[in-house]
Amino acid sequence: MDSESKAEIKTIDLWTMLLSTIRYSMGRQTYMPSLCIDMCKMYGHYLSNHQKSQIIREIKREVELYEAMNKTLGAECDHKTWKDGYQELSKHWQLSQNE
């Protein structure tokens, strides 16, 4: 099997994997924040507005929680990636950040 092969996946499973990856990656100091945002952009068109909104809400909530504690969600660059990321996803998916 090569890296270009495709797999069929149910939308609910895709959403679960995206959401789990995001939750696991929050607070980590790695390349994962940008990878998570990129994966959401790439596969988000398969998700319902409710599922997209939940992803945005969860990222936004964590960013705001850490800011309220005067901390960063991972390193400063990771925090910026998450903060910019949920705003980019809102625009990319044409959703209000309050949905």
Protein backbone atom coordinates (compact mmCIF):
# COMPACT_ATOMS: atom_id res chain seq x y z
CA MET A 1 0.00 0.00 0.00
CA ASP A 2 1.46 3.37 -0.96
CA SER A 3 0.96 6.77 0.68
CA GLU A 4 -1.40 7.84 -2.11
CA SER A 5 -3.92 5.04 -1.59
CA LYS A 6 -7.36 6.05 -0.35
CA ALA A 7 -9.56 4.65 2.37
CA GLU A 8 -13.29 4.98 2.79
CA ILE A 9 -14.33 6.40 6.13
CA LYS A 10 -17.66 7.32 7.66
CA THR A 11 -18.15 11.03 8.32
CA ILE A 12 -18.76 10.42 12.03
CA ASP A 13 -15.43 8.59 12.23
CA LEU A 14 -13.63 11.39 10.40
CA TRP A 15 -15.11 13.94 12.78
CA THR A 16 -14.15 11.84 15.80
CA MET A 17 -10.58 11.51 14.54
CA LEU A 18 -10.25 15.24 13.80
CA LEU A 19 -11.72 16.26 17.15
CA SER A 20 -9.59 13.73 19.06
CA THR A 21 -6.44 14.87 17.28
CA ILE A 22 -7.21 18.49 18.13
CA ARG A 23 -7.94 17.70 21.79
CA TYR A 24 -4.77 15.63 22.11
CA SER A 25 -2.64 18.27 20.42
CA MET A 26 -3.75 21.28 22.48
CA GLY A 27 -0.99 22.43 24.77
CA ARG A 28 1.70 20.47 22.97
CA GLN A 29 4.78 22.20 21.64
CA THR A 30 5.10 20.62 18.23
CA TYR A 31 4.05 20.96 14.62
CA MET A 32 0.63 19.53 15.56
CA PRO A 33 -1.36 22.79 15.90
CA SER A 34 -0.72 23.74 12.26
CA LEU A 35 -1.27 20.15 11.12
CA CYS A 36 -4.65 20.07 12.91
CA ILE A 37 -5.79 23.32 11.32
CA ASP A 38 -4.62 22.16 7.89
CA MET A 39 -6.44 18.82 8.28
CA CYS A 40 -9.63 20.63 9.28
CA LYS A 41 -9.40 22.81 6.18
CA MET A 42 -8.70 19.80 4.00
CA TYR A 43 -11.46 17.53 5.31
CA GLY A 44 -13.94 19.97 6.84
CA HIS A 45 -16.18 19.95 3.79
CA TYR A 46 -17.29 16.46 4.86
CA LEU A 47 -18.50 17.71 8.24
CA SER A 48 -21.83 19.23 9.24
CA ASN A 49 -21.99 22.84 10.41
CA HIS A 50 -22.62 21.54 13.93
CA GLN A 51 -19.43 19.47 13.84
CA LYS A 52 -17.40 22.36 12.41
CA SER A 53 -18.80 24.71 15.05
CA GLN A 54 -17.84 22.32 17.82
CA ILE A 55 -14.25 22.21 16.57
CA ILE A 56 -14.10 26.01 16.49
CA ARG A 57 -15.72 26.33 19.94
CA GLU A 58 -13.33 23.87 21.54
CA ILE A 59 -10.23 25.53 20.13
CA LYS A 60 -11.51 29.00 21.00
CA ARG A 61 -12.43 27.91 24.55
CA GLU A 62 -8.95 26.51 25.21
CA VAL A 63 -7.23 29.60 23.79
CA GLU A 64 -9.39 31.90 25.94
CA LEU A 65 -8.91 29.72 29.03
CA TYR A 66 -5.14 29.88 28.75
CA GLU A 67 -5.22 33.62 28.05
CA ALA A 68 -7.38 34.15 31.16
CA MET A 69 -4.68 32.34 33.18
CA ASN A 70 -2.04 34.51 31.50
CA LYS A 71 -0.51 31.41 29.91
CA THR A 72 -0.02 30.13 26.39
CA LEU A 73 -1.49 27.02 24.84
CA GLY A 74 1.88 25.37 24.20
CA ALA A 75 4.72 27.66 23.17
CA GLU A 76 3.87 31.20 22.06
CA CYS A 77 4.02 30.16 18.40
CA ASP A 78 1.63 27.25 19.11
CA HIS A 79 -0.79 29.56 20.92
CA LYS A 80 -0.76 31.95 17.96
CA THR A 81 -1.37 29.04 15.58
CA TRP A 82 -4.41 27.88 17.57
CA LYS A 83 -5.79 31.42 17.93
CA ASP A 84 -5.28 32.30 14.28
CA GLY A 85 -6.45 28.81 13.35
CA TYR A 86 -9.94 28.95 14.81
CA GLN A 87 -10.43 32.36 13.21
CA GLU A 88 -9.22 31.02 9.85
CA LEU A 89 -11.52 28.01 10.14
CA SER A 90 -14.49 30.27 10.87
CA LYS A 91 -13.79 32.21 7.68
CA HIS A 92 -12.87 29.12 5.66
CA TRP A 93 -16.08 27.38 6.69
CA GLN A 94 -18.07 30.64 6.64
CA LEU A 95 -19.29 30.14 10.19
CA SER A 96 -19.77 32.63 12.98
CA GLN A 97 -17.39 32.02 15.90
CA ASN A 98 -20.46 32.16 18.14
CA GLU A 99 -22.36 29.34 16.39
